[in-house]
Amino acid sequence: MLNTAEQAAALLQVPASWLRKKAAADQIPYTKIGRHLRFSTDDLNAIIRDGARGPRRHTPS
């Protein structure tokens, strides 16, 4: 299933403008159909996976 930027933004809880900006800079995966951006489930999972960070470790100074 393909989602519009608005639908994908709602699922990711980010502004649609953020998705469009990142897609325009080729910083996140997306599909372009004509002039329309679409985000597949795989695209959304990759965005989530790539944004995941591990726990921070405290290093004594």
PDB file of N, CA and C in Angstrom:
ATOM      1  N   MET A   1       0.836  -1.177   0.000  1.00  0.00           N
ATOM      2  CA  MET A   1       0.000   0.000   0.000  1.00  0.00           C
ATOM      3  C   MET A   1       0.885   1.245   0.000  1.00  0.00           C
ATOM      4  N   LEU A   2       0.500   2.221  -0.777  1.00  0.00           N
ATOM      5  CA  LEU A   2       1.239   3.476  -0.826  1.00  0.00           C
ATOM      6  C   LEU A   2       0.478   4.551  -0.064  1.00  0.00           C
ATOM      7  N   ASN A   3       1.212   5.318   0.722  1.00  0.00           N
ATOM      8  CA  ASN A   3       0.639   6.393   1.520  1.00  0.00           C
ATOM      9  C   ASN A   3       1.062   7.737   0.962  1.00  0.00           C
ATOM     10  N   THR A   4       0.165   8.720   1.065  1.00  0.00           N
ATOM     11  CA  THR A   4       0.534  10.091   0.729  1.00  0.00           C
ATOM     12  C   THR A   4       1.468  10.611   1.817  1.00  0.00           C
ATOM     13  N   ALA A   5       2.055  11.764   1.581  1.00  0.00           N
ATOM     14  CA  ALA A   5       2.922  12.367   2.602  1.00  0.00           C
ATOM     15  C   ALA A   5       2.126  12.638   3.873  1.00  0.00           C
ATOM     16  N   GLU A   6       0.884  13.059   3.725  1.00  0.00           N
ATOM     17  CA  GLU A   6       0.052  13.350   4.891  1.00  0.00           C
ATOM     18  C   GLU A   6      -0.253  12.079   5.686  1.00  0.00           C
ATOM     19  N   GLN A   7      -0.594  11.001   4.982  1.00  0.00           N
ATOM     20  CA  GLN A   7      -0.882   9.730   5.658  1.00  0.00           C
ATOM     21  C   GLN A   7       0.367   9.191   6.348  1.00  0.00           C
ATOM     22  N   ALA A   8       1.494   9.220   5.637  1.00  0.00           N
ATOM     23  CA  ALA A   8       2.746   8.722   6.208  1.00  0.00           C
ATOM     24  C   ALA A   8       3.163   9.566   7.405  1.00  0.00           C
ATOM     25  N   ALA A   9       2.984  10.876   7.300  1.00  0.00           N
ATOM     26  CA  ALA A   9       3.344  11.770   8.400  1.00  0.00           C
ATOM     27  C   ALA A   9       2.517  11.455   9.643  1.00  0.00           C
ATOM     28  N   ALA A  10       1.238  11.180   9.453  1.00  0.00           N
ATOM     29  CA  ALA A  10       0.382  10.838  10.591  1.00  0.00           C
ATOM     30  C   ALA A  10       0.859   9.546  11.246  1.00  0.00           C
ATOM     31  N   LEU A  11       1.245   8.564  10.440  1.00  0.00           N
ATOM     32  CA  LEU A  11       1.728   7.294  10.985  1.00  0.00           C
ATOM     33  C   LEU A  11       3.046   7.471  11.736  1.00  0.00           C
ATOM     34  N   LEU A  12       3.914   8.331  11.216  1.00  0.00           N
ATOM     35  CA  LEU A  12       5.226   8.552  11.832  1.00  0.00           C
ATOM     36  C   LEU A  12       5.195   9.636  12.906  1.00  0.00           C
ATOM     37  N   GLN A  13       4.092  10.343  12.986  1.00  0.00           N
ATOM     38  CA  GLN A  13       3.931  11.447  13.942  1.00  0.00           C
ATOM     39  C   GLN A  13       4.965  12.548  13.716  1.00  0.00           C
ATOM     40  N   VAL A  14       5.108  12.913  12.448  1.00  0.00           N
ATOM     41  CA  VAL A  14       5.983  14.017  12.050  1.00  0.00           C
ATOM     42  C   VAL A  14       5.200  14.900  11.075  1.00  0.00           C
ATOM     43  N   PRO A  15       5.633  16.134  10.866  1.00  0.00           N
ATOM     44  CA  PRO A  15       4.957  16.988   9.883  1.00  0.00           C
ATOM     45  C   PRO A  15       5.165  16.467   8.454  1.00  0.00           C
ATOM     46  N   ALA A  16       4.146  16.596   7.616  1.00  0.00           N
ATOM     47  CA  ALA A  16       4.269  16.189   6.214  1.00  0.00           C
ATOM     48  C   ALA A  16       5.372  16.986   5.525  1.00  0.00           C
ATOM     49  N   SER A  17       5.560  18.235   5.937  1.00  0.00           N
ATOM     50  CA  SER A  17       6.620  19.062   5.335  1.00  0.00           C
ATOM     51  C   SER A  17       8.003  18.463   5.598  1.00  0.00           C
ATOM     52  N   TRP A  18       8.181  17.828   6.756  1.00  0.00           N
ATOM     53  CA  TRP A  18       9.459  17.180   7.076  1.00  0.00           C
ATOM     54  C   TRP A  18       9.712  16.030   6.104  1.00  0.00           C
ATOM     55  N   LEU A  19       8.667  15.226   5.850  1.00  0.00           N
ATOM     56  CA  LEU A  19       8.818  14.107   4.910  1.00  0.00           C
ATOM     57  C   LEU A  19       9.163  14.613   3.514  1.00  0.00           C
ATOM     58  N   ARG A  20       8.449  15.634   3.063  1.00  0.00           N
ATOM     59  CA  ARG A  20       8.714  16.177   1.725  1.00  0.00           C
ATOM     60  C   ARG A  20      10.142  16.722   1.615  1.00  0.00           C
ATOM     61  N   LYS A  21      10.581  17.430   2.644  1.00  0.00           N
ATOM     62  CA  LYS A  21      11.936  18.005   2.645  1.00  0.00           C
ATOM     63  C   LYS A  21      12.991  16.904   2.600  1.00  0.00           C
ATOM     64  N   LYS A  22      12.831  15.872   3.429  1.00  0.00           N
ATOM     65  CA  LYS A  22      13.796  14.768   3.461  1.00  0.00           C
ATOM     66  C   LYS A  22      13.781  13.988   2.149  1.00  0.00           C
ATOM     67  N   ALA A  23      12.595  13.784   1.573  1.00  0.00           N
ATOM     68  CA  ALA A  23      12.500  13.066   0.301  1.00  0.00           C
ATOM     69  C   ALA A  23      13.160  13.878  -0.816  1.00  0.00           C
ATOM     70  N   ALA A  24      12.929  15.183  -0.836  1.00  0.00           N
ATOM     71  CA  ALA A  24      13.526  16.039  -1.866  1.00  0.00           C
ATOM     72  C   ALA A  24      15.048  16.010  -1.795  1.00  0.00           C
ATOM     73  N   ALA A  25      15.581  15.818  -0.595  1.00  0.00           N
ATOM     74  CA  ALA A  25      17.037  15.746  -0.408  1.00  0.00           C
ATOM     75  C   ALA A  25      17.551  14.310  -0.520  1.00  0.00           C
ATOM     76  N   ASP A  26      16.671  13.375  -0.890  1.00  0.00           N
ATOM     77  CA  ASP A  26      17.018  11.944  -0.992  1.00  0.00           C
ATOM     78  C   ASP A  26      17.603  11.401   0.303  1.00  0.00           C
ATOM     79  N   GLN A  27      17.084  11.855   1.438  1.00  0.00           N
ATOM     80  CA  GLN A  27      17.557  11.388   2.738  1.00  0.00           C
ATOM     81  C   GLN A  27      16.689  10.280   3.317  1.00  0.00           C
ATOM     82  N   ILE A  28      15.532  10.045   2.712  1.00  0.00           N
ATOM     83  CA  ILE A  28      14.649   8.959   3.144  1.00  0.00           C
ATOM     84  C   ILE A  28      14.105   8.264   1.896  1.00  0.00           C
ATOM     85  N   PRO A  29      13.713   6.994   2.019  1.00  0.00           N
ATOM     86  CA  PRO A  29      13.167   6.284   0.864  1.00  0.00           C
ATOM     87  C   PRO A  29      11.740   6.740   0.551  1.00  0.00           C
ATOM     88  N   TYR A  30      11.409   6.772  -0.730  1.00  0.00           N
ATOM     89  CA  TYR A  30      10.072   7.159  -1.176  1.00  0.00           C
ATOM     90  C   TYR A  30       9.864   6.654  -2.592  1.00  0.00           C
ATOM     91  N   THR A  31       8.638   6.750  -3.059  1.00  0.00           N
ATOM     92  CA  THR A  31       8.293   6.415  -4.431  1.00  0.00           C
ATOM     93  C   THR A  31       7.703   7.661  -5.056  1.00  0.00           C
ATOM     94  N   LYS A  32       8.076   7.938  -6.288  1.00  0.00           N
ATOM     95  CA  LYS A  32       7.526   9.096  -6.971  1.00  0.00           C
ATOM     96  C   LYS A  32       6.687   8.600  -8.142  1.00  0.00           C
ATOM     97  N   ILE A  33       5.432   9.016  -8.161  1.00  0.00           N
ATOM     98  CA  ILE A  33       4.529   8.675  -9.256  1.00  0.00           C
ATOM     99  C   ILE A  33       4.149   9.995  -9.917  1.00  0.00           C
ATOM    100  N   GLY A  34       4.734  10.237 -11.067  1.00  0.00           N
ATOM    101  CA  GLY A  34       4.563  11.556 -11.677  1.00  0.00           C
ATOM    102  C   GLY A  34       5.226  12.582 -10.782  1.00  0.00           C
ATOM    103  N   ARG A  35       4.442  13.556 -10.338  1.00  0.00           N
ATOM    104  CA  ARG A  35       4.968  14.567  -9.418  1.00  0.00           C
ATOM    105  C   ARG A  35       4.581  14.282  -7.974  1.00  0.00           C
ATOM    106  N   HIS A  36       3.959  13.137  -7.741  1.00  0.00           N
ATOM    107  CA  HIS A  36       3.424  12.827  -6.416  1.00  0.00           C
ATOM    108  C   HIS A  36       4.347  11.900  -5.631  1.00  0.00           C
ATOM    109  N   LEU A  37       4.626  12.276  -4.388  1.00  0.00           N
ATOM    110  CA  LEU A  37       5.412  11.427  -3.494  1.00  0.00           C
ATOM    111  C   LEU A  37       4.492  10.424  -2.823  1.00  0.00           C
ATOM    112  N   ARG A  38       4.971   9.203  -2.723  1.00  0.00           N
ATOM    113  CA  ARG A  38       4.246   8.166  -2.002  1.00  0.00           C
ATOM    114  C   ARG A  38       5.246   7.402  -1.145  1.00  0.00           C
ATOM    115  N   PHE A  39       4.753   6.872  -0.043  1.00  0.00           N
ATOM    116  CA  PHE A  39       5.597   6.153   0.902  1.00  0.00           C
ATOM    117  C   PHE A  39       4.976   4.789   1.161  1.00  0.00           C
ATOM    118  N   SER A  40       5.715   3.730   0.830  1.00  0.00           N
ATOM    119  CA  SER A  40       5.226   2.368   1.054  1.00  0.00           C
ATOM    120  C   SER A  40       5.456   1.968   2.506  1.00  0.00           C
ATOM    121  N   THR A  41       4.861   0.860   2.885  1.00  0.00           N
ATOM    122  CA  THR A  41       5.087   0.318   4.226  1.00  0.00           C
ATOM    123  C   THR A  41       6.568   0.037   4.426  1.00  0.00           C
ATOM    124  N   ASP A  42       7.226  -0.501   3.402  1.00  0.00           N
ATOM    125  CA  ASP A  42       8.672  -0.755   3.493  1.00  0.00           C
ATOM    126  C   ASP A  42       9.452   0.549   3.677  1.00  0.00           C
ATOM    127  N   ASP A  43       9.032   1.606   2.965  1.00  0.00           N
ATOM    128  CA  ASP A  43       9.682   2.914   3.127  1.00  0.00           C
ATOM    129  C   ASP A  43       9.550   3.399   4.563  1.00  0.00           C
ATOM    130  N   LEU A  44       8.344   3.308   5.117  1.00  0.00           N
ATOM    131  CA  LEU A  44       8.102   3.782   6.484  1.00  0.00           C
ATOM    132  C   LEU A  44       8.908   2.973   7.489  1.00  0.00           C
ATOM    133  N   ASN A  45       8.964   1.658   7.288  1.00  0.00           N
ATOM    134  CA  ASN A  45       9.761   0.816   8.191  1.00  0.00           C
ATOM    135  C   ASN A  45      11.242   1.179   8.116  1.00  0.00           C
ATOM    136  N   ALA A  46      11.735   1.490   6.916  1.00  0.00           N
ATOM    137  CA  ALA A  46      13.139   1.883   6.761  1.00  0.00           C
ATOM    138  C   ALA A  46      13.412   3.219   7.453  1.00  0.00           C
ATOM    139  N   ILE A  47      12.466   4.158   7.338  1.00  0.00           N
ATOM    140  CA  ILE A  47      12.631   5.456   8.005  1.00  0.00           C
ATOM    141  C   ILE A  47      12.715   5.250   9.508  1.00  0.00           C
ATOM    142  N   ILE A  48      11.838   4.406  10.031  1.00  0.00           N
ATOM    143  CA  ILE A  48      11.840   4.116  11.472  1.00  0.00           C
ATOM    144  C   ILE A  48      13.138   3.418  11.869  1.00  0.00           C
ATOM    145  N   ARG A  49      13.524   2.399  11.102  1.00  0.00           N
ATOM    146  CA  ARG A  49      14.732   1.625  11.415  1.00  0.00           C
ATOM    147  C   ARG A  49      15.978   2.512  11.366  1.00  0.00           C
ATOM    148  N   ASP A  50      16.070   3.349  10.337  1.00  0.00           N
ATOM    149  CA  ASP A  50      17.254   4.204  10.184  1.00  0.00           C
ATOM    150  C   ASP A  50      17.314   5.297  11.245  1.00  0.00           C
ATOM    151  N   GLY A  51      16.176   5.637  11.817  1.00  0.00           N
ATOM    152  CA  GLY A  51      16.150   6.662  12.851  1.00  0.00           C
ATOM    153  C   GLY A  51      16.350   6.119  14.246  1.00  0.00           C
ATOM    154  N   ALA A  52      16.343   4.791  14.374  1.00  0.00           N
ATOM    155  CA  ALA A  52      16.474   4.173  15.700  1.00  0.00           C
ATOM    156  C   ALA A  52      17.885   4.390  16.238  1.00  0.00           C
ATOM    157  N   ARG A  53      17.956   4.650  17.502  1.00  0.00           N
ATOM    158  CA  ARG A  53      19.250   4.830  18.166  1.00  0.00           C
ATOM    159  C   ARG A  53      19.307   3.911  19.366  1.00  0.00           C
ATOM    160  N   GLY A  54      20.472   3.416  19.637  1.00  0.00           N
ATOM    161  CA  GLY A  54      20.667   2.544  20.797  1.00  0.00           C
ATOM    162  C   GLY A  54      20.762   3.356  22.072  1.00  0.00           C
ATOM    163  N   PRO A  55      20.854   2.671  23.182  1.00  0.00           N
ATOM    164  CA  PRO A  55      20.978   3.384  24.453  1.00  0.00           C
ATOM    165  C   PRO A  55      22.321   4.105  24.532  1.00  0.00           C
ATOM    166  N   ARG A  56      22.294   5.230  25.166  1.00  0.00           N
ATOM    167  CA  ARG A  56      23.543   5.977  25.354  1.00  0.00           C
ATOM    168  C   ARG A  56      24.290   5.393  26.537  1.00  0.00           C
ATOM    169  N   ARG A  57      25.578   5.326  26.393  1.00  0.00           N
ATOM    170  CA  ARG A  57      26.418   4.814  27.481  1.00  0.00           C
ATOM    171  C   ARG A  57      27.101   5.981  28.150  1.00  0.00           C
ATOM    172  N   HIS A  58      27.061   5.969  29.434  1.00  0.00           N
ATOM    173  CA  HIS A  58      27.742   7.013  30.195  1.00  0.00           C
ATOM    174  C   HIS A  58      29.216   6.645  30.299  1.00  0.00           C
ATOM    175  N   THR A  59      30.062   7.554  29.855  1.00  0.00           N
ATOM    176  CA  THR A  59      31.505   7.318  29.973  1.00  0.00           C
ATOM    177  C   THR A  59      32.053   8.246  31.042  1.00  0.00           C
ATOM    178  N   PRO A  60      32.621   7.681  32.081  1.00  0.00           N
ATOM    179  CA  PRO A  60      33.178   8.523  33.143  1.00  0.00           C
ATOM    180  C   PRO A  60      34.324   9.373  32.612  1.00  0.00           C
ATOM    181  N   SER A  61      34.403  10.595  33.080  1.00  0.00           N
ATOM    182  CA  SER A  61      35.490  11.461  32.610  1.00  0.00           C
ATOM    183  C   SER A  61      36.620  11.540  33.599  1.00  0.00           C
TER     184      SER A  61
END
